[in-house]
N, C-alpha and C. Protein backbone atom coordinates (compact mmCIF):
# COMPACT_ATOMS: atom_id res chain seq x y z
N GLN A 1 70.33 -7.43 106.12
CA GLN A 1 69.68 -7.12 107.29
C GLN A 1 69.36 -5.58 107.28
N PHE A 2 70.32 -4.81 106.77
CA PHE A 2 70.32 -3.32 106.80
C PHE A 2 68.93 -2.87 106.33
N TYR A 3 68.27 -3.24 105.23
CA TYR A 3 67.03 -2.65 104.77
C TYR A 3 65.91 -3.03 105.50
N GLN A 4 65.80 -4.07 106.40
CA GLN A 4 64.67 -4.50 107.28
C GLN A 4 64.58 -3.32 108.45
N LYS A 5 65.49 -2.67 108.73
CA LYS A 5 65.34 -1.72 109.90
C LYS A 5 65.09 -0.35 109.28
N GLN A 6 64.83 -0.25 107.94
CA GLN A 6 64.62 1.06 107.35
C GLN A 6 63.33 1.10 106.62
N ASP A 7 62.66 2.32 106.84
CA ASP A 7 61.28 2.43 106.17
C ASP A 7 61.41 2.83 104.74
N CYS A 8 62.51 3.41 104.43
CA CYS A 8 62.79 4.14 103.08
C CYS A 8 64.10 3.83 102.47
N VAL A 9 64.19 3.08 101.41
CA VAL A 9 65.59 2.80 100.77
C VAL A 9 65.60 3.07 99.35
N HIS A 10 66.78 3.20 98.91
CA HIS A 10 66.97 3.36 97.46
C HIS A 10 67.95 2.11 97.07
N LEU A 11 67.60 1.44 95.94
CA LEU A 11 68.41 0.27 95.52
C LEU A 11 68.81 0.77 94.09
N ARG A 12 70.00 0.64 93.73
CA ARG A 12 70.45 0.90 92.27
C ARG A 12 71.20 -0.51 91.94
N ALA A 13 70.96 -1.03 90.88
CA ALA A 13 71.59 -2.17 90.55
C ALA A 13 71.41 -2.40 88.94
N THR A 14 72.34 -3.08 88.32
CA THR A 14 72.39 -3.35 86.88
C THR A 14 72.17 -4.92 86.82
N LEU A 15 71.11 -5.21 86.08
CA LEU A 15 70.85 -6.73 85.86
C LEU A 15 71.40 -7.08 84.39
N ASN A 16 72.31 -8.09 84.34
CA ASN A 16 72.95 -8.52 83.12
C ASN A 16 72.46 -9.88 82.80
N LEU A 17 71.66 -9.82 81.65
CA LEU A 17 71.22 -11.11 81.11
C LEU A 17 72.14 -11.82 80.13
N THR A 18 72.95 -12.81 80.44
CA THR A 18 73.94 -13.39 79.62
C THR A 18 73.15 -14.48 78.77
N TYR A 19 72.50 -15.29 79.38
CA TYR A 19 71.87 -16.33 78.56
C TYR A 19 70.23 -16.35 79.00
N ALA A 20 69.82 -15.61 79.94
CA ALA A 20 68.43 -15.77 80.29
C ALA A 20 67.58 -14.93 79.32
N THR A 21 66.43 -15.39 79.13
CA THR A 21 65.48 -14.58 78.44
C THR A 21 64.44 -13.89 79.29
N SER A 22 64.50 -14.15 80.50
CA SER A 22 63.58 -13.45 81.33
C SER A 22 64.39 -13.41 82.73
N ALA A 23 64.25 -12.21 83.39
CA ALA A 23 64.70 -12.02 84.67
C ALA A 23 63.97 -10.93 85.50
N GLY A 24 64.34 -10.80 86.72
CA GLY A 24 63.62 -9.74 87.49
C GLY A 24 64.01 -9.65 88.95
N LEU A 25 63.16 -8.89 89.77
CA LEU A 25 63.46 -8.62 91.14
C LEU A 25 62.18 -8.69 91.80
N LYS A 26 62.31 -9.29 93.04
CA LYS A 26 61.25 -9.20 94.13
C LYS A 26 61.71 -8.61 95.34
N PHE A 27 60.75 -7.97 96.01
CA PHE A 27 61.12 -7.47 97.30
C PHE A 27 60.04 -7.89 98.23
N ASP A 28 60.49 -8.64 99.32
CA ASP A 28 59.46 -9.15 100.26
C ASP A 28 58.41 -9.97 99.62
N GLY A 29 58.63 -10.67 98.55
CA GLY A 29 57.73 -11.45 97.80
C GLY A 29 56.87 -10.71 96.76
N GLN A 30 57.01 -9.22 96.70
CA GLN A 30 56.21 -8.58 95.76
C GLN A 30 57.34 -8.33 94.53
N THR A 31 56.66 -8.63 93.30
CA THR A 31 57.49 -8.44 92.01
C THR A 31 57.60 -7.06 91.71
N LEU A 32 58.79 -6.55 91.66
CA LEU A 32 59.03 -5.17 91.31
C LEU A 32 59.42 -4.99 89.89
N VAL A 33 60.18 -6.01 89.37
CA VAL A 33 60.63 -5.85 87.78
C VAL A 33 60.59 -7.25 87.39
N ASP A 34 59.81 -7.49 86.29
CA ASP A 34 59.72 -8.74 85.45
C ASP A 34 60.02 -8.42 84.03
N TYR A 35 61.25 -8.59 83.57
CA TYR A 35 61.70 -8.42 82.22
C TYR A 35 61.68 -9.60 81.34
N ASP A 36 61.13 -9.60 80.18
CA ASP A 36 61.03 -10.67 79.28
C ASP A 36 61.76 -10.14 77.97
N LEU A 37 62.81 -10.63 77.66
CA LEU A 37 63.69 -10.07 76.65
C LEU A 37 63.06 -10.55 75.14
N ASN A 38 62.59 -11.82 75.22
CA ASN A 38 62.02 -12.38 74.05
C ASN A 38 60.80 -11.57 73.62
N ARG A 39 59.95 -11.28 74.56
CA ARG A 39 58.81 -10.37 74.21
C ARG A 39 58.96 -8.97 74.30
N ASN A 40 60.01 -8.35 74.71
CA ASN A 40 60.33 -7.19 74.88
C ASN A 40 59.31 -6.31 75.84
N THR A 41 59.02 -7.14 76.95
CA THR A 41 58.11 -6.64 77.82
C THR A 41 58.85 -6.43 79.30
N LEU A 42 58.24 -5.34 79.99
CA LEU A 42 58.71 -5.07 81.30
C LEU A 42 57.34 -5.04 82.19
N ASN A 43 57.26 -6.00 83.15
CA ASN A 43 56.10 -5.99 83.91
C ASN A 43 54.74 -6.11 82.90
N GLY A 44 54.93 -6.85 81.67
CA GLY A 44 53.77 -6.98 80.81
C GLY A 44 53.55 -5.87 79.88
N GLN A 45 54.31 -4.77 79.97
CA GLN A 45 54.19 -3.63 79.06
C GLN A 45 55.36 -3.66 78.11
N PHE A 46 55.17 -3.15 76.88
CA PHE A 46 56.26 -3.21 75.83
C PHE A 46 57.35 -2.23 76.38
N TYR A 47 58.62 -2.81 76.27
CA TYR A 47 59.86 -1.95 76.61
C TYR A 47 60.89 -2.39 75.64
N SER A 48 61.70 -1.60 75.13
CA SER A 48 62.83 -1.82 74.40
C SER A 48 63.79 -0.87 74.73
N PRO A 49 65.09 -1.34 75.20
CA PRO A 49 66.22 -0.28 75.55
C PRO A 49 66.63 0.54 74.39
N GLN A 50 67.26 1.65 74.61
CA GLN A 50 67.73 2.48 73.51
C GLN A 50 68.67 1.73 72.67
N ASP A 51 69.60 0.89 73.20
CA ASP A 51 70.41 0.00 72.38
C ASP A 51 69.75 -1.36 72.28
N PRO A 52 69.11 -1.66 71.16
CA PRO A 52 68.41 -3.06 71.07
C PRO A 52 69.29 -4.19 71.34
N THR A 53 70.58 -4.10 71.14
CA THR A 53 71.57 -5.21 71.49
C THR A 53 71.87 -5.38 72.87
N SER A 54 71.59 -4.33 73.65
CA SER A 54 71.97 -4.51 75.13
C SER A 54 71.27 -5.54 75.88
N LEU A 55 72.07 -6.28 76.72
CA LEU A 55 71.60 -7.37 77.44
C LEU A 55 71.54 -7.04 79.08
N SER A 56 71.51 -5.64 79.25
CA SER A 56 71.55 -5.21 80.58
C SER A 56 70.50 -4.19 80.94
N LEU A 57 70.01 -4.24 82.09
CA LEU A 57 68.88 -3.36 82.51
C LEU A 57 69.37 -2.64 83.86
N THR A 58 69.37 -1.36 83.92
CA THR A 58 69.87 -0.50 85.09
C THR A 58 68.52 -0.12 85.81
N MET A 59 68.49 -0.35 87.07
CA MET A 59 67.35 -0.15 87.93
C MET A 59 67.59 0.91 89.02
N ASP A 60 66.78 1.88 89.32
CA ASP A 60 66.79 2.79 90.35
C ASP A 60 65.46 2.57 91.08
N ILE A 61 65.62 1.99 92.25
CA ILE A 61 64.18 1.69 92.85
C ILE A 61 64.15 2.32 94.25
N TYR A 62 62.96 3.18 94.49
CA TYR A 62 62.89 3.85 95.83
C TYR A 62 61.71 3.17 96.52
N ILE A 63 61.96 2.68 97.69
CA ILE A 63 60.98 1.97 98.43
C ILE A 63 60.66 2.72 99.72
N ASP A 64 59.46 3.22 99.87
CA ASP A 64 59.20 3.91 101.21
C ASP A 64 58.00 3.04 101.92
N ARG A 65 57.44 3.60 103.01
CA ARG A 65 56.42 2.82 103.75
C ARG A 65 55.26 2.35 103.03
N THR A 66 54.77 3.19 102.01
CA THR A 66 53.53 2.66 101.27
C THR A 66 53.76 2.67 99.70
N SER A 67 54.71 3.13 99.20
CA SER A 67 54.91 2.96 97.75
C SER A 67 56.21 2.69 97.27
N ILE A 68 56.27 2.18 96.03
CA ILE A 68 57.54 2.00 95.37
C ILE A 68 57.55 2.53 94.08
N GLU A 69 58.65 3.25 93.66
CA GLU A 69 58.94 3.88 92.43
C GLU A 69 60.26 3.26 91.78
N VAL A 70 60.01 2.94 90.49
CA VAL A 70 60.96 2.19 89.67
C VAL A 70 61.33 2.94 88.40
N PHE A 71 62.59 3.22 88.23
CA PHE A 71 63.17 3.86 87.01
C PHE A 71 64.14 2.93 86.37
N ILE A 72 63.81 2.69 85.18
CA ILE A 72 64.59 1.82 84.34
C ILE A 72 65.52 2.49 83.40
N ASP A 73 66.88 2.05 83.26
CA ASP A 73 67.78 2.75 82.33
C ASP A 73 67.68 4.26 82.49
N ASP A 74 68.08 4.85 83.56
CA ASP A 74 68.15 6.25 83.74
C ASP A 74 66.80 6.98 83.54
N GLY A 75 65.68 6.43 83.77
CA GLY A 75 64.43 7.09 83.55
C GLY A 75 63.78 6.85 82.26
N LEU A 76 64.40 6.05 81.23
CA LEU A 76 63.71 5.78 79.94
C LEU A 76 62.46 5.25 80.16
N TYR A 77 62.28 4.38 81.20
CA TYR A 77 60.92 3.68 81.59
C TYR A 77 60.81 3.91 83.08
N SER A 78 59.65 4.30 83.51
CA SER A 78 59.36 4.33 84.94
C SER A 78 58.00 4.02 85.31
N TYR A 79 57.75 3.63 86.50
CA TYR A 79 56.34 3.31 87.10
C TYR A 79 56.38 3.38 88.52
N SER A 80 55.23 3.32 89.08
CA SER A 80 55.19 3.31 90.52
C SER A 80 54.02 2.29 90.90
N MET A 81 54.04 1.87 92.03
CA MET A 81 53.15 0.89 92.70
C MET A 81 52.95 0.96 94.04
N GLU A 82 51.91 0.36 94.59
CA GLU A 82 51.76 0.24 96.21
C GLU A 82 52.60 -0.72 96.64
N ARG A 83 53.35 -0.42 97.85
CA ARG A 83 53.94 -1.44 98.53
C ARG A 83 53.12 -2.42 99.35
N LYS A 84 53.15 -3.58 99.13
CA LYS A 84 52.37 -4.56 99.71
C LYS A 84 53.13 -5.14 100.73
N ARG A 85 52.59 -5.19 101.99
CA ARG A 85 53.22 -6.08 103.08
C ARG A 85 53.10 -7.44 102.93
N ALA A 86 54.08 -8.30 103.08
CA ALA A 86 53.99 -9.65 103.11
C ALA A 86 53.24 -10.24 104.31
N ILE A 87 52.33 -11.08 104.03
CA ILE A 87 51.69 -11.76 105.07
C ILE A 87 52.21 -13.06 105.42
N SER A 88 52.51 -13.31 106.81
CA SER A 88 53.23 -14.61 107.05
C SER A 88 52.28 -15.44 107.99
N THR A 89 52.34 -16.67 107.59
CA THR A 89 51.49 -17.74 108.48
C THR A 89 52.50 -18.83 108.73
N PRO A 90 52.18 -19.59 109.73
CA PRO A 90 53.13 -20.81 110.05
C PRO A 90 53.20 -21.70 108.95
N GLN A 91 52.31 -21.71 108.06
CA GLN A 91 52.38 -22.74 106.95
C GLN A 91 53.02 -22.02 105.78
N HIS A 92 52.97 -20.82 105.73
CA HIS A 92 53.64 -20.09 104.49
C HIS A 92 54.25 -18.88 105.06
N PRO A 93 55.55 -18.96 105.45
CA PRO A 93 56.30 -17.85 105.87
C PRO A 93 56.52 -16.89 104.88
N ALA A 94 56.52 -15.57 105.36
CA ALA A 94 56.52 -14.41 104.22
C ALA A 94 58.09 -14.41 103.70
N SER A 95 58.15 -14.12 102.44
CA SER A 95 59.38 -13.98 101.79
C SER A 95 60.00 -12.70 102.27
N LYS A 96 61.26 -12.59 102.75
CA LYS A 96 61.88 -11.34 103.18
C LYS A 96 63.15 -10.98 102.28
N GLY A 97 63.25 -9.72 102.03
CA GLY A 97 64.47 -9.26 101.31
C GLY A 97 64.25 -9.08 99.87
N PHE A 98 65.53 -8.67 99.18
CA PHE A 98 65.58 -8.60 97.78
C PHE A 98 65.75 -10.13 97.19
N GLU A 99 65.25 -10.33 96.10
CA GLU A 99 65.43 -11.70 95.42
C GLU A 99 65.40 -11.37 93.85
N PHE A 100 66.60 -11.53 93.39
CA PHE A 100 66.89 -11.40 91.91
C PHE A 100 66.63 -12.82 91.39
N TRP A 101 65.98 -12.95 90.09
CA TRP A 101 65.78 -14.19 89.68
C TRP A 101 65.98 -14.36 88.13
N GLY A 102 66.28 -15.44 87.60
CA GLY A 102 66.57 -15.59 86.22
C GLY A 102 67.60 -16.55 86.03
N ALA A 103 67.63 -17.26 84.83
CA ALA A 103 68.62 -18.28 84.77
C ALA A 103 69.94 -17.51 84.17
N ASP A 104 71.09 -17.92 84.87
CA ASP A 104 72.40 -17.40 84.56
C ASP A 104 72.48 -15.92 84.44
N ILE A 105 71.96 -15.06 85.37
CA ILE A 105 72.06 -13.67 85.41
C ILE A 105 73.23 -13.26 86.31
N ASN A 106 73.52 -12.13 85.98
CA ASN A 106 74.69 -11.31 86.79
C ASN A 106 74.10 -10.01 87.27
N VAL A 107 74.29 -9.76 88.40
CA VAL A 107 73.90 -8.47 89.05
C VAL A 107 75.02 -7.79 89.51
N SER A 108 75.20 -6.65 88.88
CA SER A 108 76.33 -5.76 89.37
C SER A 108 76.06 -4.32 89.69
N ASP A 109 76.97 -3.77 90.15
CA ASP A 109 76.80 -2.32 90.63
C ASP A 109 75.71 -2.19 91.58
N ILE A 110 75.67 -3.01 92.61
CA ILE A 110 74.52 -2.80 93.55
C ILE A 110 74.85 -1.88 94.56
N GLN A 111 73.92 -0.96 94.98
CA GLN A 111 74.05 0.03 95.77
C GLN A 111 72.90 0.17 96.60
N LEU A 112 72.83 0.00 97.98
CA LEU A 112 71.58 0.14 98.79
C LEU A 112 71.84 1.14 99.89
N ASP A 113 70.89 2.16 99.80
CA ASP A 113 71.03 3.30 100.74
C ASP A 113 69.89 3.65 101.57
N SER A 114 69.98 4.05 102.55
CA SER A 114 68.77 4.54 103.39
C SER A 114 68.60 5.97 102.93
N VAL A 115 67.10 6.30 102.68
CA VAL A 115 66.72 7.67 102.39
C VAL A 115 65.77 8.25 103.35
N GLU A 116 65.66 9.56 103.42
CA GLU A 116 64.78 10.18 104.28
C GLU A 116 63.43 10.40 103.79
N SER A 117 62.45 10.16 104.47
CA SER A 117 61.16 10.39 104.05
C SER A 117 60.71 11.70 103.74
N ILE A 118 59.94 11.98 102.64
CA ILE A 118 59.62 13.37 102.37
C ILE A 118 58.59 13.93 103.36
N TRP A 119 58.01 13.17 104.31
CA TRP A 119 56.83 13.44 105.29
C TRP A 119 57.51 13.94 106.48
N GLU A 120 58.76 13.79 106.68
CA GLU A 120 59.41 14.06 107.96
C GLU A 120 60.27 15.32 107.73
């Protein structure tokens, strides 16, 4: 519930793929990270970690009111995107929160902090 009261947050986590071939992270229903180990893609773009035998992905994600910045493996790969607000209807309630997905994954070293807006 902490993040729901914050406009700007920083999430750091390590995604360990033990047997999964794909895994990722959503925030309020919006896909932030979609990693496919078989195709070596991250959100549809080619990505290969420095250690090709590594089965882990470290994420630093900054979320503010309007944008999201993602840094993978200490900045080896980075991208930004618009933050989309989830639309909720009685028939389709909006997804809330962080959702890690993937078969048999382990998420470690999770840290969630509030950060100050650069505009204030």
